[in-house]
Amino acid sequence: MAVDMEELKQKILEFATKKAKFKSKMYIKDLYKADPNAKPREIKKAANQLVQEGKLEFFSSGSTTMYGVPGFGKSEKDQFGELEEQK
């Protein structure tokens, strides 16, 4: 059964925004709960599209990648500072 990607993205965004009040960064496994009927691959694809659209953001500590809603919690830049550009 094919999942409607726009509907799935809306569910993920609603879930992430609701969770962001308590937990600003989420693992991809946390986002699987947004739609238990969707396959993990579909959730990941939808979440990545939301990042490209600017509705979610990646947060990486170097060993772990998490998703967050822009405006909630610290951004990667706030957490680690700006990286110096290589010359």
N, C-alpha and C. Protein backbone atom coordinates (compact mmCIF):
# COMPACT_ATOMS: atom_id res chain seq x y z
N MET A 1 0.84 -1.18 0.00
CA MET A 1 0.00 0.00 0.00
C MET A 1 0.89 1.25 0.00
N ALA A 2 0.72 2.06 -0.99
CA ALA A 2 1.52 3.28 -1.10
C ALA A 2 1.00 4.34 -0.14
N VAL A 3 1.93 5.06 0.44
CA VAL A 3 1.60 6.10 1.40
C VAL A 3 1.56 7.45 0.67
N ASP A 4 0.58 8.28 0.98
CA ASP A 4 0.53 9.63 0.44
C ASP A 4 1.62 10.45 1.13
N MET A 5 2.63 10.85 0.38
CA MET A 5 3.80 11.51 0.96
C MET A 5 3.45 12.83 1.63
N GLU A 6 2.55 13.61 1.05
CA GLU A 6 2.17 14.89 1.65
C GLU A 6 1.47 14.67 2.99
N GLU A 7 0.60 13.67 3.05
CA GLU A 7 -0.10 13.35 4.29
C GLU A 7 0.89 12.87 5.35
N LEU A 8 1.85 12.05 4.94
CA LEU A 8 2.87 11.54 5.86
C LEU A 8 3.74 12.68 6.38
N LYS A 9 4.14 13.59 5.51
CA LYS A 9 4.94 14.74 5.94
C LYS A 9 4.18 15.59 6.94
N GLN A 10 2.88 15.76 6.72
CA GLN A 10 2.06 16.54 7.66
C GLN A 10 2.00 15.86 9.02
N LYS A 11 1.84 14.53 9.03
CA LYS A 11 1.80 13.78 10.29
C LYS A 11 3.13 13.90 11.04
N ILE A 12 4.23 13.80 10.30
CA ILE A 12 5.56 13.90 10.92
C ILE A 12 5.76 15.29 11.51
N LEU A 13 5.39 16.31 10.75
CA LEU A 13 5.57 17.69 11.21
C LEU A 13 4.71 17.97 12.45
N GLU A 14 3.48 17.51 12.46
CA GLU A 14 2.61 17.68 13.63
C GLU A 14 3.19 16.95 14.84
N PHE A 15 3.65 15.71 14.63
CA PHE A 15 4.23 14.92 15.71
C PHE A 15 5.48 15.59 16.26
N ALA A 16 6.36 16.04 15.37
CA ALA A 16 7.62 16.66 15.79
C ALA A 16 7.37 17.98 16.52
N THR A 17 6.42 18.76 16.05
CA THR A 17 6.12 20.04 16.69
C THR A 17 5.53 19.82 18.09
N LYS A 18 4.67 18.83 18.21
CA LYS A 18 4.08 18.51 19.51
C LYS A 18 5.16 18.02 20.48
N LYS A 19 6.06 17.16 20.00
CA LYS A 19 7.13 16.62 20.83
C LYS A 19 8.18 17.67 21.17
N ALA A 20 8.36 18.66 20.29
CA ALA A 20 9.42 19.66 20.45
C ALA A 20 9.23 20.49 21.72
N LYS A 21 8.03 20.55 22.22
CA LYS A 21 7.78 21.30 23.46
C LYS A 21 8.47 20.64 24.64
N PHE A 22 8.69 19.33 24.54
CA PHE A 22 9.32 18.57 25.62
C PHE A 22 10.71 18.08 25.27
N LYS A 23 10.91 17.81 23.99
CA LYS A 23 12.17 17.22 23.52
C LYS A 23 12.50 17.86 22.17
N SER A 24 13.49 18.74 22.14
CA SER A 24 13.73 19.53 20.94
C SER A 24 14.39 18.75 19.80
N LYS A 25 15.08 17.68 20.10
CA LYS A 25 15.73 16.87 19.06
C LYS A 25 15.24 15.44 19.15
N MET A 26 15.01 14.82 17.99
CA MET A 26 14.47 13.47 17.95
C MET A 26 15.28 12.59 17.00
N TYR A 27 15.42 11.34 17.39
CA TYR A 27 16.02 10.35 16.50
C TYR A 27 14.99 9.98 15.44
N ILE A 28 15.46 9.40 14.33
CA ILE A 28 14.53 8.96 13.29
C ILE A 28 13.56 7.93 13.85
N LYS A 29 14.04 7.10 14.79
CA LYS A 29 13.15 6.10 15.41
C LYS A 29 11.98 6.76 16.15
N ASP A 30 12.21 7.94 16.71
CA ASP A 30 11.11 8.67 17.36
C ASP A 30 10.06 9.07 16.34
N LEU A 31 10.50 9.45 15.15
CA LEU A 31 9.57 9.90 14.11
C LEU A 31 8.75 8.75 13.54
N TYR A 32 9.21 7.50 13.70
CA TYR A 32 8.44 6.35 13.23
C TYR A 32 7.08 6.30 13.91
N LYS A 33 6.97 6.85 15.11
CA LYS A 33 5.71 6.83 15.86
C LYS A 33 4.67 7.78 15.27
N ALA A 34 5.08 8.67 14.38
CA ALA A 34 4.14 9.62 13.78
C ALA A 34 3.07 8.89 12.97
N ASP A 35 3.45 7.79 12.32
CA ASP A 35 2.51 6.98 11.55
C ASP A 35 2.96 5.53 11.62
N PRO A 36 2.43 4.77 12.56
CA PRO A 36 2.84 3.38 12.74
C PRO A 36 2.59 2.50 11.51
N ASN A 37 1.70 2.93 10.61
CA ASN A 37 1.40 2.14 9.41
C ASN A 37 2.39 2.36 8.28
N ALA A 38 3.18 3.43 8.37
CA ALA A 38 4.16 3.72 7.32
C ALA A 38 5.44 2.92 7.57
N LYS A 39 6.11 2.58 6.50
CA LYS A 39 7.37 1.85 6.61
C LYS A 39 8.48 2.82 7.03
N PRO A 40 9.48 2.34 7.76
CA PRO A 40 10.59 3.21 8.19
C PRO A 40 11.25 3.97 7.04
N ARG A 41 11.40 3.33 5.92
CA ARG A 41 12.03 3.99 4.75
C ARG A 41 11.19 5.18 4.28
N GLU A 42 9.86 5.01 4.31
CA GLU A 42 8.97 6.11 3.89
C GLU A 42 9.05 7.27 4.87
N ILE A 43 9.15 6.97 6.17
CA ILE A 43 9.27 8.02 7.20
C ILE A 43 10.57 8.79 6.98
N LYS A 44 11.66 8.06 6.75
CA LYS A 44 12.96 8.71 6.56
C LYS A 44 12.94 9.60 5.31
N LYS A 45 12.36 9.09 4.24
CA LYS A 45 12.28 9.87 2.99
C LYS A 45 11.46 11.15 3.21
N ALA A 46 10.33 11.02 3.90
CA ALA A 46 9.47 12.19 4.17
C ALA A 46 10.19 13.18 5.08
N ALA A 47 10.89 12.68 6.11
CA ALA A 47 11.62 13.56 7.03
C ALA A 47 12.72 14.31 6.28
N ASN A 48 13.42 13.64 5.39
CA ASN A 48 14.47 14.30 4.62
C ASN A 48 13.90 15.36 3.68
N GLN A 49 12.73 15.10 3.13
CA GLN A 49 12.07 16.12 2.29
C GLN A 49 11.70 17.33 3.14
N LEU A 50 11.25 17.10 4.37
CA LEU A 50 10.92 18.21 5.26
C LEU A 50 12.15 19.03 5.60
N VAL A 51 13.29 18.38 5.72
CA VAL A 51 14.56 19.10 5.96
C VAL A 51 14.88 19.97 4.75
N GLN A 52 14.74 19.41 3.55
CA GLN A 52 15.01 20.18 2.33
C GLN A 52 14.07 21.37 2.19
N GLU A 53 12.85 21.23 2.68
CA GLU A 53 11.87 22.32 2.63
C GLU A 53 12.08 23.33 3.76
N GLY A 54 12.95 23.01 4.72
CA GLY A 54 13.22 23.92 5.83
C GLY A 54 12.24 23.81 6.98
N LYS A 55 11.38 22.78 6.96
CA LYS A 55 10.38 22.61 8.01
C LYS A 55 10.92 21.79 9.19
N LEU A 56 11.95 21.00 8.93
CA LEU A 56 12.71 20.29 9.97
C LEU A 56 14.17 20.62 9.72
N GLU A 57 15.02 20.36 10.72
CA GLU A 57 16.44 20.58 10.55
C GLU A 57 17.21 19.38 11.09
N PHE A 58 18.38 19.15 10.50
CA PHE A 58 19.28 18.12 11.00
C PHE A 58 20.07 18.68 12.16
N PHE A 59 20.44 17.83 13.09
CA PHE A 59 21.35 18.19 14.17
C PHE A 59 22.30 17.02 14.29
N SER A 60 23.58 17.28 14.12
CA SER A 60 24.57 16.21 14.19
C SER A 60 25.64 16.55 15.20
N SER A 61 25.91 15.59 16.08
CA SER A 61 26.98 15.77 17.06
C SER A 61 28.27 15.13 16.57
N GLY A 62 28.24 14.59 15.39
CA GLY A 62 29.40 13.90 14.83
C GLY A 62 29.18 12.40 14.81
N SER A 63 28.54 11.88 15.83
CA SER A 63 28.29 10.44 15.87
C SER A 63 26.80 10.13 15.73
N THR A 64 25.96 11.11 15.95
CA THR A 64 24.51 10.91 15.94
C THR A 64 23.84 12.01 15.14
N THR A 65 22.90 11.63 14.30
CA THR A 65 22.11 12.61 13.57
C THR A 65 20.70 12.58 14.11
N MET A 66 20.20 13.76 14.41
CA MET A 66 18.84 13.89 14.94
C MET A 66 18.08 14.90 14.11
N TYR A 67 16.79 14.92 14.30
CA TYR A 67 15.92 15.88 13.63
C TYR A 67 15.34 16.83 14.67
N GLY A 68 15.10 18.06 14.27
CA GLY A 68 14.50 19.03 15.17
C GLY A 68 13.62 19.99 14.38
N VAL A 69 12.76 20.67 15.11
CA VAL A 69 11.90 21.69 14.51
C VAL A 69 12.62 23.03 14.67
N PRO A 70 12.85 23.77 13.59
CA PRO A 70 13.52 25.05 13.71
C PRO A 70 12.84 25.95 14.73
N GLY A 71 13.64 26.59 15.59
CA GLY A 71 13.10 27.48 16.60
C GLY A 71 12.93 26.85 17.97
N PHE A 72 13.07 25.53 18.05
CA PHE A 72 12.97 24.84 19.33
C PHE A 72 14.36 24.34 19.73
N GLY A 73 14.77 24.60 20.96
CA GLY A 73 16.07 24.12 21.43
C GLY A 73 17.22 24.85 20.77
N LYS A 74 18.41 24.34 20.99
CA LYS A 74 19.61 24.94 20.41
C LYS A 74 19.84 24.40 19.01
N SER A 75 20.26 25.27 18.11
CA SER A 75 20.61 24.82 16.78
C SER A 75 22.03 24.25 16.84
N GLU A 76 22.42 23.59 15.77
CA GLU A 76 23.78 23.03 15.71
C GLU A 76 24.81 24.16 15.83
N LYS A 77 24.52 25.30 15.22
CA LYS A 77 25.42 26.45 15.28
C LYS A 77 25.54 26.97 16.71
N ASP A 78 24.42 27.05 17.43
CA ASP A 78 24.44 27.52 18.83
C ASP A 78 25.19 26.54 19.72
N GLN A 79 25.00 25.26 19.45
CA GLN A 79 25.60 24.22 20.29
C GLN A 79 27.12 24.14 20.12
N PHE A 80 27.57 24.18 18.87
CA PHE A 80 28.98 23.94 18.60
C PHE A 80 29.73 25.15 18.04
N GLY A 81 29.03 26.23 17.73
CA GLY A 81 29.67 27.41 17.14
C GLY A 81 29.84 27.21 15.64
N GLU A 82 30.25 28.26 14.98
CA GLU A 82 30.46 28.18 13.55
C GLU A 82 31.78 27.50 13.26
N LEU A 83 31.78 26.69 12.23
CA LEU A 83 33.01 26.03 11.81
C LEU A 83 33.80 27.00 10.95
N GLU A 84 35.09 27.00 11.13
CA GLU A 84 35.94 27.88 10.32
C GLU A 84 36.03 27.31 8.91
N GLU A 85 35.95 28.19 7.94
CA GLU A 85 36.09 27.75 6.57
C GLU A 85 37.53 27.41 6.28
N GLN A 86 37.72 26.33 5.52
CA GLN A 86 39.08 25.94 5.18
C GLN A 86 39.58 26.79 4.01
N LYS A 87 40.84 27.16 4.08
CA LYS A 87 41.40 28.01 3.00
C LYS A 87 42.11 27.19 1.98
